[in-house]
N, C-alpha and C. Protein backbone atom coordinates (compact mmCIF):
# COMPACT_ATOMS: atom_id res chain seq x y z
N MET A 1 27.64 60.90 35.39
CA MET A 1 28.50 62.05 35.62
C MET A 1 27.70 63.15 36.32
N ARG A 2 28.21 63.67 37.42
CA ARG A 2 27.51 64.70 38.17
C ARG A 2 27.68 66.06 37.48
N ILE A 3 26.57 66.77 37.34
CA ILE A 3 26.59 68.08 36.71
C ILE A 3 26.92 69.14 37.74
N ARG A 4 27.84 70.02 37.42
CA ARG A 4 28.19 71.10 38.33
C ARG A 4 27.03 72.07 38.49
N LYS A 5 26.85 72.56 39.71
CA LYS A 5 25.82 73.54 40.00
C LYS A 5 26.11 74.83 39.26
N LYS A 6 25.08 75.36 38.61
CA LYS A 6 25.23 76.60 37.86
C LYS A 6 24.24 77.61 38.44
N LYS A 7 24.76 78.60 39.17
CA LYS A 7 23.89 79.55 39.85
C LYS A 7 23.04 80.37 38.89
N TRP A 8 23.54 80.54 37.69
CA TRP A 8 22.82 81.36 36.72
C TRP A 8 21.71 80.61 36.01
N ALA A 9 21.70 79.27 36.10
CA ALA A 9 20.78 78.47 35.27
C ALA A 9 19.32 78.74 35.60
N ARG A 10 18.95 78.70 36.87
CA ARG A 10 17.55 78.84 37.23
C ARG A 10 16.99 80.22 36.93
N PRO A 11 17.71 81.32 37.23
CA PRO A 11 17.20 82.64 36.82
C PRO A 11 17.03 82.77 35.31
N GLU A 12 17.98 82.23 34.55
CA GLU A 12 17.86 82.31 33.10
C GLU A 12 16.68 81.49 32.59
N LEU A 13 16.49 80.30 33.16
CA LEU A 13 15.37 79.48 32.75
C LEU A 13 14.04 80.13 33.12
N ALA A 14 13.99 80.77 34.27
CA ALA A 14 12.75 81.43 34.70
C ALA A 14 12.34 82.53 33.74
N ALA A 15 13.32 83.14 33.08
CA ALA A 15 13.03 84.23 32.13
C ALA A 15 12.93 83.74 30.69
N CYS A 16 13.11 82.44 30.48
CA CYS A 16 13.15 81.88 29.13
C CYS A 16 11.73 81.58 28.64
N PRO A 17 11.31 82.12 27.51
CA PRO A 17 9.93 81.90 27.03
C PRO A 17 9.64 80.48 26.59
N PHE A 18 10.66 79.67 26.33
CA PHE A 18 10.39 78.29 25.89
C PHE A 18 10.73 77.26 26.98
N TYR A 19 10.89 77.72 28.23
CA TYR A 19 11.07 76.81 29.36
C TYR A 19 9.78 76.77 30.18
N LEU A 20 9.33 75.57 30.53
CA LEU A 20 8.12 75.40 31.31
C LEU A 20 8.47 75.22 32.79
N GLN A 21 8.00 76.11 33.62
CA GLN A 21 8.29 76.06 35.05
C GLN A 21 7.54 74.93 35.75
N GLU A 22 6.31 74.69 35.36
CA GLU A 22 5.49 73.66 36.01
C GLU A 22 4.95 72.71 34.95
N PRO A 23 5.80 71.84 34.41
CA PRO A 23 5.38 70.99 33.30
C PRO A 23 4.26 70.03 33.65
N GLN A 24 4.11 69.69 34.92
CA GLN A 24 3.05 68.77 35.32
C GLN A 24 1.66 69.34 35.06
N LYS A 25 1.59 70.66 34.82
CA LYS A 25 0.30 71.29 34.54
C LYS A 25 0.04 71.42 33.03
N ALA A 26 0.93 70.89 32.22
CA ALA A 26 0.84 71.09 30.78
C ALA A 26 -0.11 70.12 30.08
N ALA A 27 -0.45 69.00 30.74
CA ALA A 27 -1.29 67.99 30.10
C ALA A 27 -2.59 68.61 29.60
N GLY A 28 -2.90 68.34 28.34
CA GLY A 28 -4.11 68.85 27.72
C GLY A 28 -3.97 70.22 27.10
N SER A 29 -2.82 70.86 27.27
CA SER A 29 -2.66 72.23 26.77
C SER A 29 -1.48 72.40 25.83
N TRP A 30 -0.93 71.29 25.33
CA TRP A 30 0.25 71.42 24.49
C TRP A 30 -0.02 72.19 23.20
N ALA A 31 -1.25 72.16 22.73
CA ALA A 31 -1.58 72.89 21.51
C ALA A 31 -1.39 74.39 21.66
N THR A 32 -1.40 74.88 22.91
CA THR A 32 -1.24 76.32 23.13
C THR A 32 0.20 76.69 23.44
N ARG A 33 1.09 75.72 23.48
CA ARG A 33 2.46 75.98 23.90
C ARG A 33 3.39 76.38 22.76
N PHE A 34 2.94 76.21 21.54
CA PHE A 34 3.78 76.48 20.37
C PHE A 34 3.09 77.48 19.45
N ALA A 35 3.90 78.21 18.69
CA ALA A 35 3.36 79.19 17.76
C ALA A 35 2.56 78.52 16.65
N ARG A 36 2.95 77.28 16.28
CA ARG A 36 2.24 76.54 15.22
C ARG A 36 1.81 75.19 15.82
N PRO A 37 0.66 75.18 16.49
CA PRO A 37 0.25 74.00 17.26
C PRO A 37 -0.10 72.77 16.44
N GLY A 38 -0.40 72.92 15.16
CA GLY A 38 -0.81 71.78 14.35
C GLY A 38 0.32 70.91 13.85
N GLN A 39 1.55 71.27 14.18
CA GLN A 39 2.70 70.53 13.67
C GLN A 39 2.92 69.23 14.43
N PRO A 40 3.59 68.25 13.81
CA PRO A 40 3.93 67.01 14.53
C PRO A 40 4.76 67.32 15.78
N LEU A 41 4.63 66.46 16.79
CA LEU A 41 5.34 66.65 18.05
C LEU A 41 6.39 65.55 18.20
N HIS A 42 7.64 65.96 18.45
CA HIS A 42 8.73 65.03 18.71
C HIS A 42 9.31 65.30 20.09
N LEU A 43 9.71 64.25 20.79
CA LEU A 43 10.26 64.35 22.13
C LEU A 43 11.72 63.92 22.14
N ASP A 44 12.56 64.69 22.83
CA ASP A 44 13.96 64.33 23.02
C ASP A 44 14.15 64.04 24.51
N LEU A 45 14.27 62.76 24.86
CA LEU A 45 14.33 62.33 26.25
C LEU A 45 15.77 62.25 26.73
N GLY A 46 16.05 62.90 27.86
CA GLY A 46 17.43 63.01 28.32
C GLY A 46 18.20 63.91 27.39
N CYS A 47 17.63 65.07 27.10
CA CYS A 47 18.15 65.94 26.02
C CYS A 47 19.50 66.54 26.34
N GLY A 48 19.90 66.57 27.63
CA GLY A 48 21.22 67.07 27.98
C GLY A 48 21.44 68.53 27.57
N LYS A 49 22.58 68.82 27.00
CA LYS A 49 22.93 70.19 26.63
C LYS A 49 22.28 70.64 25.34
N CYS A 50 21.54 69.77 24.71
CA CYS A 50 20.73 70.10 23.52
C CYS A 50 21.54 70.50 22.29
N THR A 51 22.77 70.02 22.20
CA THR A 51 23.51 70.21 20.95
C THR A 51 22.73 69.60 19.79
N PHE A 52 22.22 68.39 20.01
CA PHE A 52 21.43 67.69 19.00
C PHE A 52 20.10 68.39 18.76
N LEU A 53 19.35 68.65 19.82
CA LEU A 53 18.01 69.22 19.67
C LEU A 53 18.05 70.62 19.07
N ALA A 54 19.01 71.41 19.45
CA ALA A 54 19.12 72.77 18.91
C ALA A 54 19.25 72.74 17.39
N ALA A 55 20.18 71.93 16.89
CA ALA A 55 20.39 71.85 15.44
C ALA A 55 19.18 71.25 14.74
N LEU A 56 18.57 70.23 15.34
CA LEU A 56 17.42 69.57 14.72
C LEU A 56 16.22 70.50 14.66
N ALA A 57 15.93 71.19 15.74
CA ALA A 57 14.78 72.09 15.78
C ALA A 57 14.96 73.28 14.84
N HIS A 58 16.18 73.76 14.72
CA HIS A 58 16.45 74.86 13.79
C HIS A 58 16.28 74.42 12.35
N ARG A 59 16.69 73.20 12.07
CA ARG A 59 16.58 72.67 10.70
C ARG A 59 15.14 72.31 10.36
N GLU A 60 14.42 71.73 11.31
CA GLU A 60 13.07 71.23 11.05
C GLU A 60 12.04 72.07 11.80
N GLN A 61 11.80 73.25 11.30
CA GLN A 61 10.89 74.16 11.97
C GLN A 61 9.42 73.86 11.69
N ASP A 62 9.17 72.82 10.90
CA ASP A 62 7.81 72.35 10.70
C ASP A 62 7.44 71.25 11.69
N VAL A 63 8.26 71.07 12.73
CA VAL A 63 8.03 70.10 13.80
C VAL A 63 8.14 70.84 15.13
N ASN A 64 7.29 70.51 16.09
CA ASN A 64 7.41 71.02 17.46
C ASN A 64 8.16 70.00 18.31
N PHE A 65 9.10 70.49 19.13
CA PHE A 65 9.96 69.63 19.91
C PHE A 65 9.82 69.92 21.41
N ILE A 66 9.84 68.86 22.20
CA ILE A 66 9.93 68.98 23.65
C ILE A 66 11.21 68.30 24.10
N GLY A 67 12.09 69.03 24.76
CA GLY A 67 13.31 68.47 25.31
C GLY A 67 13.17 68.30 26.81
N ILE A 68 13.44 67.11 27.31
CA ILE A 68 13.24 66.79 28.72
C ILE A 68 14.53 66.27 29.34
N ASP A 69 14.90 66.85 30.47
CA ASP A 69 16.03 66.36 31.25
C ASP A 69 15.71 66.61 32.72
N ILE A 70 16.31 65.86 33.60
CA ILE A 70 16.00 65.97 35.03
C ILE A 70 16.69 67.15 35.67
N SER A 71 17.78 67.65 35.07
CA SER A 71 18.63 68.65 35.70
C SER A 71 18.41 70.04 35.13
N GLU A 72 18.04 70.98 35.99
CA GLU A 72 17.92 72.37 35.54
C GLU A 72 19.29 72.97 35.24
N ASP A 73 20.33 72.48 35.90
CA ASP A 73 21.67 72.99 35.62
C ASP A 73 22.07 72.70 34.17
N ILE A 74 21.80 71.48 33.72
CA ILE A 74 22.16 71.15 32.34
C ILE A 74 21.20 71.82 31.36
N LEU A 75 19.95 72.03 31.77
CA LEU A 75 18.99 72.70 30.88
C LEU A 75 19.32 74.18 30.72
N GLY A 76 20.01 74.75 31.70
CA GLY A 76 20.49 76.12 31.51
C GLY A 76 21.47 76.20 30.35
N VAL A 77 22.37 75.22 30.27
CA VAL A 77 23.30 75.15 29.13
C VAL A 77 22.53 74.89 27.85
N ALA A 78 21.53 74.01 27.92
CA ALA A 78 20.72 73.69 26.76
C ALA A 78 20.03 74.93 26.21
N LYS A 79 19.47 75.72 27.10
CA LYS A 79 18.79 76.96 26.69
C LYS A 79 19.74 77.87 25.92
N ARG A 80 20.96 78.03 26.42
CA ARG A 80 21.95 78.87 25.74
C ARG A 80 22.32 78.30 24.38
N ASN A 81 22.46 76.97 24.30
CA ASN A 81 22.81 76.35 23.02
C ASN A 81 21.70 76.53 21.98
N ILE A 82 20.47 76.41 22.42
CA ILE A 82 19.34 76.60 21.49
C ILE A 82 19.30 78.04 21.00
N GLU A 83 19.46 79.00 21.90
CA GLU A 83 19.44 80.40 21.50
C GLU A 83 20.59 80.72 20.55
N ALA A 84 21.76 80.13 20.79
CA ALA A 84 22.90 80.36 19.91
C ALA A 84 22.64 79.80 18.53
N GLU A 85 22.00 78.64 18.46
CA GLU A 85 21.69 78.02 17.17
C GLU A 85 20.69 78.86 16.37
N PHE A 86 19.68 79.39 17.04
CA PHE A 86 18.64 80.16 16.36
C PHE A 86 19.08 81.60 16.08
N GLY A 87 20.09 82.08 16.77
CA GLY A 87 20.57 83.43 16.53
C GLY A 87 19.51 84.47 16.88
N GLU A 88 19.25 85.37 15.94
CA GLU A 88 18.27 86.43 16.17
C GLU A 88 16.83 85.96 15.98
N ALA A 89 16.65 84.77 15.42
CA ALA A 89 15.29 84.27 15.17
C ALA A 89 14.65 83.81 16.47
N PRO A 90 13.33 83.99 16.62
CA PRO A 90 12.66 83.52 17.83
C PRO A 90 12.60 81.99 17.87
N VAL A 91 12.66 81.43 19.06
CA VAL A 91 12.56 79.98 19.24
C VAL A 91 11.09 79.65 19.47
N GLU A 92 10.41 79.20 18.42
CA GLU A 92 8.97 79.00 18.48
C GLU A 92 8.53 77.55 18.44
N ASN A 93 9.45 76.64 18.17
CA ASN A 93 9.07 75.23 18.03
C ASN A 93 9.79 74.32 19.03
N VAL A 94 10.24 74.91 20.16
CA VAL A 94 10.92 74.14 21.20
C VAL A 94 10.31 74.47 22.56
N ALA A 95 10.10 73.43 23.37
CA ALA A 95 9.77 73.60 24.79
C ALA A 95 10.77 72.77 25.59
N LEU A 96 11.37 73.36 26.59
CA LEU A 96 12.29 72.67 27.49
C LEU A 96 11.63 72.50 28.85
N LEU A 97 11.88 71.36 29.50
CA LEU A 97 11.34 71.17 30.83
C LEU A 97 12.16 70.16 31.62
N ALA A 98 12.20 70.38 32.93
CA ALA A 98 12.88 69.47 33.85
C ALA A 98 11.83 68.53 34.43
N TYR A 99 12.02 67.22 34.20
CA TYR A 99 10.99 66.27 34.63
C TYR A 99 11.60 64.88 34.69
N ASN A 100 10.97 64.02 35.49
CA ASN A 100 11.36 62.62 35.59
C ASN A 100 10.76 61.86 34.41
N ILE A 101 11.59 61.32 33.55
CA ILE A 101 11.11 60.66 32.34
C ILE A 101 10.27 59.43 32.66
N GLU A 102 10.48 58.84 33.83
CA GLU A 102 9.67 57.69 34.21
C GLU A 102 8.20 58.05 34.36
N LYS A 103 7.91 59.34 34.52
CA LYS A 103 6.53 59.83 34.66
C LYS A 103 6.09 60.57 33.40
N LEU A 104 6.70 60.24 32.28
CA LEU A 104 6.44 60.95 31.03
C LEU A 104 4.96 61.02 30.69
N ASP A 105 4.23 59.93 30.91
CA ASP A 105 2.83 59.89 30.51
C ASP A 105 1.96 60.88 31.27
N THR A 106 2.41 61.36 32.43
CA THR A 106 1.61 62.32 33.20
C THR A 106 1.65 63.72 32.60
N LEU A 107 2.52 63.94 31.61
CA LEU A 107 2.62 65.25 30.97
C LEU A 107 1.60 65.45 29.86
N PHE A 108 0.89 64.39 29.47
CA PHE A 108 0.05 64.47 28.28
C PHE A 108 -1.35 63.94 28.57
N ALA A 109 -2.34 64.59 27.96
CA ALA A 109 -3.70 64.07 27.97
C ALA A 109 -3.77 62.90 27.00
N PRO A 110 -4.75 62.01 27.15
CA PRO A 110 -4.82 60.81 26.29
C PRO A 110 -4.83 61.12 24.80
N GLU A 111 -5.39 62.25 24.41
CA GLU A 111 -5.47 62.56 22.97
C GLU A 111 -4.20 63.22 22.44
N GLU A 112 -3.27 63.56 23.31
CA GLU A 112 -2.04 64.22 22.88
C GLU A 112 -0.97 63.16 22.63
N LYS A 113 -0.54 63.05 21.38
CA LYS A 113 0.39 62.00 20.98
C LYS A 113 1.60 62.58 20.24
N ALA A 114 2.75 61.98 20.51
CA ALA A 114 3.98 62.34 19.81
C ALA A 114 4.17 61.44 18.61
N ALA A 115 4.75 61.98 17.57
CA ALA A 115 5.03 61.20 16.37
C ALA A 115 6.39 60.52 16.44
N ARG A 116 7.28 61.06 17.28
CA ARG A 116 8.64 60.48 17.36
C ARG A 116 9.26 60.78 18.71
N ILE A 117 10.05 59.83 19.19
CA ILE A 117 10.83 59.99 20.41
C ILE A 117 12.30 59.73 20.09
N TYR A 118 13.17 60.61 20.56
CA TYR A 118 14.62 60.44 20.43
C TYR A 118 15.21 60.09 21.80
N VAL A 119 16.08 59.09 21.82
CA VAL A 119 16.87 58.75 23.01
C VAL A 119 18.32 58.62 22.55
N ASN A 120 19.15 59.55 22.94
CA ASN A 120 20.54 59.58 22.47
C ASN A 120 21.51 59.40 23.63
N PHE A 121 22.34 58.36 23.56
CA PHE A 121 23.47 58.17 24.48
C PHE A 121 23.04 58.26 25.94
N CYS A 122 21.98 57.52 26.27
CA CYS A 122 21.52 57.48 27.65
C CYS A 122 22.46 56.63 28.50
N ASN A 123 22.35 56.76 29.81
CA ASN A 123 23.15 55.98 30.75
C ASN A 123 22.89 54.49 30.50
N PRO A 124 23.93 53.68 30.27
CA PRO A 124 23.71 52.26 29.99
C PRO A 124 23.37 51.43 31.22
N TRP A 125 23.58 51.96 32.43
CA TRP A 125 23.26 51.23 33.67
C TRP A 125 23.68 49.77 33.53
N GLN A 126 24.96 49.53 33.57
CA GLN A 126 25.51 48.23 33.18
C GLN A 126 25.37 47.15 34.24
N LYS A 127 25.22 47.50 35.53
CA LYS A 127 25.01 46.47 36.53
C LYS A 127 23.64 45.82 36.34
N ALA A 128 23.58 44.51 36.48
CA ALA A 128 22.35 43.76 36.20
C ALA A 128 21.16 44.29 37.00
N GLY A 129 21.38 44.67 38.23
CA GLY A 129 20.28 45.16 39.06
C GLY A 129 19.76 46.52 38.66
N ASP A 130 20.51 47.21 37.78
CA ASP A 130 20.12 48.56 37.37
C ASP A 130 19.48 48.61 35.99
N HIS A 131 19.34 47.49 35.30
CA HIS A 131 18.89 47.50 33.92
C HIS A 131 17.54 48.17 33.73
N LYS A 132 16.66 48.03 34.71
CA LYS A 132 15.33 48.62 34.55
C LYS A 132 15.35 50.15 34.54
N ARG A 133 16.48 50.72 34.89
CA ARG A 133 16.60 52.18 34.87
C ARG A 133 16.99 52.70 33.48
N ARG A 134 17.32 51.81 32.58
CA ARG A 134 17.68 52.22 31.23
C ARG A 134 16.48 52.90 30.55
N LEU A 135 16.75 53.97 29.81
CA LEU A 135 15.66 54.69 29.14
C LEU A 135 15.04 53.90 28.00
N THR A 136 15.68 52.79 27.61
CA THR A 136 15.09 51.96 26.55
C THR A 136 14.61 50.62 27.09
N HIS A 137 14.61 50.44 28.40
CA HIS A 137 14.13 49.18 28.98
C HIS A 137 12.65 48.98 28.66
N THR A 138 12.21 47.75 28.63
CA THR A 138 10.82 47.43 28.33
C THR A 138 9.86 48.21 29.22
N ARG A 139 10.20 48.35 30.48
CA ARG A 139 9.34 49.09 31.41
C ARG A 139 9.18 50.54 30.98
N GLN A 140 10.28 51.16 30.55
CA GLN A 140 10.21 52.55 30.10
C GLN A 140 9.47 52.66 28.77
N LEU A 141 9.73 51.71 27.88
CA LEU A 141 9.06 51.74 26.58
C LEU A 141 7.54 51.63 26.73
N THR A 142 7.10 50.86 27.72
CA THR A 142 5.67 50.73 27.97
C THR A 142 5.07 52.08 28.36
N THR A 143 5.82 52.88 29.10
CA THR A 143 5.37 54.24 29.41
C THR A 143 5.34 55.11 28.16
N TYR A 144 6.36 55.01 27.33
CA TYR A 144 6.41 55.82 26.12
C TYR A 144 5.23 55.52 25.20
N LYS A 145 4.81 54.27 25.19
CA LYS A 145 3.70 53.88 24.31
C LYS A 145 2.42 54.64 24.62
N LYS A 146 2.29 55.12 25.84
CA LYS A 146 1.09 55.86 26.23
C LYS A 146 1.04 57.25 25.58
N VAL A 147 2.19 57.74 25.15
CA VAL A 147 2.24 59.08 24.56
C VAL A 147 2.66 59.05 23.09
N LEU A 148 2.99 57.89 22.56
CA LEU A 148 3.44 57.76 21.18
C LEU A 148 2.28 57.29 20.31
N ALA A 149 2.05 57.96 19.20
CA ALA A 149 0.97 57.60 18.31
C ALA A 149 1.24 56.22 17.68
N PRO A 150 0.19 55.45 17.36
CA PRO A 150 0.41 54.20 16.63
C PRO A 150 1.18 54.48 15.34
N GLY A 151 2.21 53.70 15.11
CA GLY A 151 3.07 53.96 13.96
C GLY A 151 4.15 54.99 14.25
N GLY A 152 4.11 55.58 15.46
CA GLY A 152 5.15 56.52 15.84
C GLY A 152 6.49 55.82 15.98
N GLU A 153 7.55 56.60 15.95
CA GLU A 153 8.90 56.02 15.90
C GLU A 153 9.73 56.38 17.13
N LEU A 154 10.66 55.49 17.44
CA LEU A 154 11.69 55.75 18.44
C LEU A 154 13.04 55.68 17.75
N TRP A 155 13.82 56.75 17.84
CA TRP A 155 15.16 56.82 17.26
C TRP A 155 16.17 56.79 18.40
N PHE A 156 17.09 55.84 18.34
CA PHE A 156 18.00 55.58 19.45
C PHE A 156 19.44 55.52 18.96
N LYS A 157 20.34 56.16 19.74
CA LYS A 157 21.77 56.08 19.46
C LYS A 157 22.53 55.83 20.76
N THR A 158 23.61 55.06 20.66
CA THR A 158 24.43 54.75 21.82
C THR A 158 25.84 54.40 21.39
N ASP A 159 26.76 54.48 22.34
CA ASP A 159 28.12 53.99 22.13
C ASP A 159 28.30 52.62 22.73
N ASN A 160 27.30 52.14 23.52
CA ASN A 160 27.45 50.94 24.34
C ASN A 160 26.87 49.72 23.63
N THR A 161 27.72 48.73 23.36
CA THR A 161 27.28 47.55 22.60
C THR A 161 26.23 46.75 23.35
N ASP A 162 26.43 46.54 24.65
CA ASP A 162 25.46 45.76 25.44
C ASP A 162 24.09 46.44 25.42
N LEU A 163 24.05 47.74 25.60
CA LEU A 163 22.78 48.46 25.58
C LEU A 163 22.14 48.40 24.20
N TYR A 164 22.94 48.50 23.17
CA TYR A 164 22.45 48.40 21.79
C TYR A 164 21.78 47.05 21.54
N LEU A 165 22.42 45.97 21.97
CA LEU A 165 21.86 44.64 21.75
C LEU A 165 20.62 44.42 22.63
N ALA A 166 20.69 44.85 23.89
CA ALA A 166 19.56 44.68 24.79
C ALA A 166 18.35 45.49 24.34
N THR A 167 18.59 46.67 23.80
CA THR A 167 17.49 47.52 23.37
C THR A 167 16.69 46.88 22.24
N GLN A 168 17.35 46.11 21.40
CA GLN A 168 16.61 45.41 20.36
C GLN A 168 15.61 44.44 20.97
N ARG A 169 16.02 43.76 22.03
CA ARG A 169 15.10 42.84 22.72
C ARG A 169 13.99 43.61 23.43
N TYR A 170 14.36 44.70 24.10
CA TYR A 170 13.35 45.50 24.78
C TYR A 170 12.28 45.99 23.81
N LEU A 171 12.70 46.45 22.66
CA LEU A 171 11.76 46.98 21.67
C LEU A 171 10.77 45.91 21.22
N ARG A 172 11.28 44.74 20.94
CA ARG A 172 10.39 43.65 20.51
C ARG A 172 9.42 43.27 21.62
N GLU A 173 9.90 43.22 22.86
CA GLU A 173 9.05 42.89 23.99
C GLU A 173 7.93 43.91 24.17
N ALA A 174 8.21 45.15 23.86
CA ALA A 174 7.24 46.22 24.08
C ALA A 174 6.32 46.46 22.89
N GLY A 175 6.44 45.68 21.83
CA GLY A 175 5.53 45.82 20.70
C GLY A 175 5.99 46.81 19.65
N PHE A 176 7.30 46.96 19.50
CA PHE A 176 7.88 47.80 18.46
C PHE A 176 8.45 46.93 17.35
N GLU A 177 8.43 47.44 16.14
CA GLU A 177 9.08 46.80 15.00
C GLU A 177 10.35 47.57 14.67
N ILE A 178 11.48 46.88 14.61
CA ILE A 178 12.75 47.52 14.26
C ILE A 178 12.80 47.71 12.75
N LEU A 179 12.88 48.97 12.34
CA LEU A 179 12.91 49.30 10.92
C LEU A 179 14.32 49.22 10.35
N CYS A 180 15.29 49.67 11.13
CA CYS A 180 16.68 49.60 10.69
C CYS A 180 17.59 49.71 11.90
N LYS A 181 18.79 49.20 11.77
CA LYS A 181 19.77 49.24 12.84
C LYS A 181 21.16 49.19 12.23
N THR A 182 22.13 49.71 12.96
CA THR A 182 23.51 49.68 12.50
C THR A 182 24.45 49.74 13.69
N GLU A 183 25.57 49.04 13.57
CA GLU A 183 26.60 49.09 14.60
C GLU A 183 27.63 50.18 14.33
N ASP A 184 27.50 50.86 13.19
CA ASP A 184 28.44 51.94 12.87
C ASP A 184 27.71 52.96 12.00
N LEU A 185 27.00 53.87 12.66
CA LEU A 185 26.18 54.85 11.95
C LEU A 185 27.00 55.70 11.00
N HIS A 186 28.22 56.04 11.41
CA HIS A 186 29.03 56.95 10.59
C HIS A 186 29.62 56.26 9.37
N ALA A 187 29.52 54.96 9.31
CA ALA A 187 29.95 54.24 8.11
C ALA A 187 28.82 54.13 7.10
N GLU A 188 27.60 54.50 7.53
CA GLU A 188 26.44 54.45 6.65
C GLU A 188 26.31 55.76 5.88
N ASN A 189 25.46 55.73 4.88
CA ASN A 189 25.14 56.96 4.15
C ASN A 189 24.00 57.65 4.89
N ALA A 190 24.37 58.49 5.85
CA ALA A 190 23.37 59.16 6.70
C ALA A 190 23.66 60.66 6.74
N PRO A 191 23.45 61.34 5.61
CA PRO A 191 23.82 62.76 5.54
C PRO A 191 23.01 63.66 6.45
N ASP A 192 21.83 63.20 6.87
CA ASP A 192 20.97 64.03 7.72
C ASP A 192 21.23 63.84 9.21
N ASN A 193 22.18 62.97 9.55
CA ASN A 193 22.46 62.71 10.96
C ASN A 193 23.01 63.96 11.65
N ILE A 194 22.46 64.25 12.80
CA ILE A 194 22.94 65.34 13.65
C ILE A 194 23.59 64.72 14.88
N GLU A 195 24.79 65.13 15.19
CA GLU A 195 25.52 64.53 16.29
C GLU A 195 25.21 65.24 17.62
N SER A 196 25.03 64.43 18.66
CA SER A 196 24.91 64.98 20.01
C SER A 196 26.31 65.25 20.55
N GLU A 197 26.38 65.91 21.72
CA GLU A 197 27.69 66.20 22.29
C GLU A 197 28.45 64.92 22.62
N HIS A 198 27.75 63.89 23.09
CA HIS A 198 28.42 62.62 23.39
C HIS A 198 28.88 61.92 22.11
N GLU A 199 28.10 62.03 21.08
CA GLU A 199 28.48 61.41 19.80
C GLU A 199 29.76 62.02 19.26
N VAL A 200 29.87 63.33 19.34
CA VAL A 200 31.09 64.00 18.90
C VAL A 200 32.29 63.51 19.72
N MET A 201 32.09 63.43 21.04
CA MET A 201 33.18 63.02 21.93
C MET A 201 33.62 61.59 21.66
N PHE A 202 32.65 60.67 21.57
CA PHE A 202 33.00 59.26 21.38
C PHE A 202 33.58 59.01 19.99
N THR A 203 33.09 59.71 18.99
CA THR A 203 33.62 59.54 17.65
C THR A 203 35.09 59.97 17.60
N ALA A 204 35.41 61.05 18.29
CA ALA A 204 36.79 61.52 18.35
C ALA A 204 37.70 60.49 19.02
N GLN A 205 37.12 59.66 19.91
CA GLN A 205 37.87 58.62 20.59
C GLN A 205 37.92 57.31 19.80
N GLY A 206 37.29 57.30 18.63
CA GLY A 206 37.27 56.11 17.80
C GLY A 206 36.18 55.12 18.16
N VAL A 207 35.22 55.53 18.99
CA VAL A 207 34.12 54.65 19.39
C VAL A 207 32.98 54.78 18.38
N ARG A 208 32.48 53.66 17.92
CA ARG A 208 31.43 53.67 16.92
C ARG A 208 30.06 54.00 17.53
N THR A 209 29.26 54.70 16.77
CA THR A 209 27.89 55.00 17.18
C THR A 209 26.95 53.93 16.64
N LYS A 210 26.22 53.28 17.57
CA LYS A 210 25.20 52.30 17.19
C LYS A 210 23.85 53.01 17.14
N ALA A 211 23.00 52.61 16.23
CA ALA A 211 21.72 53.30 16.08
C ALA A 211 20.61 52.33 15.70
N ILE A 212 19.41 52.65 16.18
CA ILE A 212 18.21 51.86 15.88
C ILE A 212 17.06 52.83 15.60
N ILE A 213 16.26 52.52 14.60
CA ILE A 213 14.98 53.19 14.39
C ILE A 213 13.91 52.12 14.46
N ALA A 214 12.92 52.34 15.34
CA ALA A 214 11.85 51.36 15.54
C ALA A 214 10.49 52.06 15.44
N ARG A 215 9.48 51.30 15.08
CA ARG A 215 8.13 51.83 14.92
C ARG A 215 7.18 51.09 15.86
N LEU A 216 6.31 51.85 16.51
CA LEU A 216 5.31 51.25 17.39
C LEU A 216 4.20 50.62 16.56
N LEU A 217 4.00 49.34 16.75
CA LEU A 217 2.96 48.64 16.02
C LEU A 217 1.58 48.97 16.61
N ALA A 218 0.59 49.08 15.77
CA ALA A 218 -0.76 49.33 16.25
C ALA A 218 -1.19 48.13 17.10
N GLY A 219 -1.61 48.38 18.33
CA GLY A 219 -2.01 47.29 19.21
C GLY A 219 -0.86 46.45 19.70
N GLY A 220 0.37 47.01 19.67
CA GLY A 220 1.55 46.27 20.12
C GLY A 220 1.38 45.75 21.53
N ALA A 221 1.68 44.49 21.76
CA ALA A 221 1.47 43.88 23.07
C ALA A 221 2.40 44.48 24.11
N GLU A 222 1.84 44.73 25.31
CA GLU A 222 2.66 45.18 26.41
C GLU A 222 3.04 43.97 27.24
N LYS A 223 4.27 43.51 27.01
CA LYS A 223 4.73 42.31 27.70
C LYS A 223 5.48 42.67 28.97
N GLY A 224 5.89 41.65 29.68
CA GLY A 224 6.46 41.84 31.00
C GLY A 224 7.74 42.61 31.03
N GLU A 225 8.21 42.90 32.21
CA GLU A 225 9.43 43.69 32.41
C GLU A 225 10.68 42.82 32.36
């Protein structure tokens, strides 16, 4: 879906204290980017409008979050949603940035590791020739492994059955262990679940949310694409 151009987005992001203008220069300096640098680091890839990230970061202020999306137009909306969630409180545990997720590893020095990665309702890229563009494809997971600590987790949600089933294979190929999975998250006892904007929309349409939690195995083999 094409995002409409928002003339106000870039000026607002330029003035936003938790938006990084030049994220490619951040490698090695993430400890200085947050008010409490010693906290665990979680990444939200393809964060979109940040309905999910805003609520999660407000609830879990003992974690530092980085939200990444390619579009500054959508990140302008995300910035407003985060500020609305936090109200009068300062936003000290969130960094937003526009970047190509395929180059995720270039944002971090080797010693900088995330404890968790979230991928929510990413594009399923259903044509066979496009599968490698999926954010959970083995090729992408191999990149994530460079920034994910051993034992770190990947939390994934989707409405697409084919992507849900394929992601299980991708995870195993990339050296992840699937800890739990479900074809209907809302039928489970998951009181801590926070819904993304797509999850709200699809649930209203009667579409079930599929979910997987996987853990990166220490020394997990990097297998082919």
